[in-house]
């Protein structure tokens, strides 16, 4: 599968995917919390860290195009592309 993990925390979605037997072929990780990103960088070094969601939201069409181009370029394309979003750990 491919994962787009928005406001992903420690990427429990990635952990659950692997525990369920899915092979993650593409992982975009959007998070700005320093402690969380350290965990994900350690356990999933191939994840593409995108940082803050605000620039991606402002250029959402370009970001979507980039993701689809990366999926098409994979030798073995994922059977599903999962978009998930956690709740921000901040007061709104």
Protein backbone atom coordinates (compact mmCIF):
# COMPACT_ATOMS: atom_id res chain seq x y z
CA UNK A 1 0.00 0.00 0.00
CA UNK A 2 0.92 3.64 -0.17
CA UNK A 3 0.39 5.86 2.87
CA UNK A 4 -0.10 9.58 3.11
CA UNK A 5 0.06 10.16 6.84
CA UNK A 6 -1.12 13.70 7.64
CA UNK A 7 -0.46 14.96 11.18
CA UNK A 8 0.78 11.45 11.74
CA UNK A 9 2.26 11.55 15.23
CA UNK A 10 4.45 8.45 15.62
CA UNK A 11 2.82 6.91 12.53
CA UNK A 12 0.72 4.30 14.29
CA UNK A 13 -0.99 3.82 10.92
CA UNK A 14 2.29 2.52 9.50
CA UNK A 15 2.74 0.19 12.45
CA UNK A 16 -0.84 -1.11 12.13
CA UNK A 17 -0.41 -1.61 8.38
CA UNK A 18 2.71 -3.70 8.88
CA UNK A 19 1.12 -5.68 11.71
CA UNK A 20 -1.81 -6.43 9.40
CA UNK A 21 0.53 -7.86 6.79
CA UNK A 22 0.58 -4.96 4.33
CA UNK A 23 3.82 -3.97 2.65
CA UNK A 24 4.18 -0.20 2.56
CA UNK A 25 5.75 0.81 -0.74
CA UNK A 26 5.33 4.58 -0.41
CA UNK A 27 5.04 6.60 2.80
CA UNK A 28 4.58 10.36 2.95
CA UNK A 29 4.67 11.60 6.53
CA UNK A 30 3.44 15.08 7.44
CA UNK A 31 4.27 16.12 11.00
CA UNK A 32 6.09 18.96 12.77
CA UNK A 33 6.37 17.57 16.30
CA UNK A 34 10.09 17.02 16.87
CA UNK A 35 9.80 13.99 19.16
CA UNK A 36 7.35 12.24 16.83
CA UNK A 37 9.45 12.84 13.74
CA UNK A 38 12.53 11.43 15.49
CA UNK A 39 10.63 8.20 16.19
CA UNK A 40 9.42 7.88 12.61
CA UNK A 41 12.85 8.71 11.14
CA UNK A 42 14.37 5.99 13.33
CA UNK A 43 11.83 3.24 12.58
CA UNK A 44 10.94 4.19 9.00
CA UNK A 45 13.96 5.94 7.45
CA UNK A 46 12.51 5.58 3.92
CA UNK A 47 9.42 7.63 4.83
CA UNK A 48 9.36 10.97 3.04
CA UNK A 49 9.06 13.63 5.70
CA UNK A 50 7.07 16.59 4.44
CA UNK A 51 7.12 18.70 7.61
CA UNK A 52 4.37 21.28 8.02
CA UNK A 53 1.01 20.61 6.37
CA UNK A 54 0.29 24.28 5.60
CA UNK A 55 2.50 24.59 2.49
CA UNK A 56 1.11 21.29 1.19
CA UNK A 57 -2.44 22.52 1.74
CA UNK A 58 -1.71 25.75 -0.12
CA UNK A 59 -0.25 23.83 -3.07
CA UNK A 60 -2.51 20.78 -2.81
CA UNK A 61 -2.77 20.18 -6.56
CA UNK A 62 1.00 20.16 -6.99
CA UNK A 63 1.36 17.85 -4.00
CA UNK A 64 -1.27 15.45 -5.37
CA UNK A 65 0.52 15.42 -8.72
CA UNK A 66 3.83 14.67 -6.99
CA UNK A 67 2.33 11.73 -5.08
CA UNK A 68 0.74 10.21 -8.20
CA UNK A 69 3.98 10.59 -10.13
CA UNK A 70 5.85 8.77 -7.36
CA UNK A 71 3.25 5.98 -7.31
CA UNK A 72 3.48 5.54 -11.08
CA UNK A 73 7.28 5.40 -10.89
CA UNK A 74 7.31 2.48 -8.46
CA UNK A 75 8.33 -0.84 -9.96
CA UNK A 76 5.50 -2.61 -8.10
CA UNK A 77 2.63 -0.20 -7.68
CA UNK A 78 0.64 -0.40 -4.45
CA UNK A 79 -2.85 -1.87 -4.57
CA UNK A 80 -4.20 1.01 -2.48
CA UNK A 81 -3.23 4.54 -1.54
CA UNK A 82 -4.40 5.39 1.97
CA UNK A 83 -4.84 9.00 3.07
CA UNK A 84 -5.15 9.35 6.83
CA UNK A 85 -5.16 12.29 9.17
CA UNK A 86 -4.63 12.44 12.90
CA UNK A 87 -6.00 15.20 15.05
CA UNK A 88 -3.54 18.04 15.76
CA UNK A 89 -2.11 17.94 19.27
CA UNK A 90 -2.71 21.64 19.75
CA UNK A 91 -5.51 23.85 20.88
CA UNK A 92 -7.33 25.21 17.89
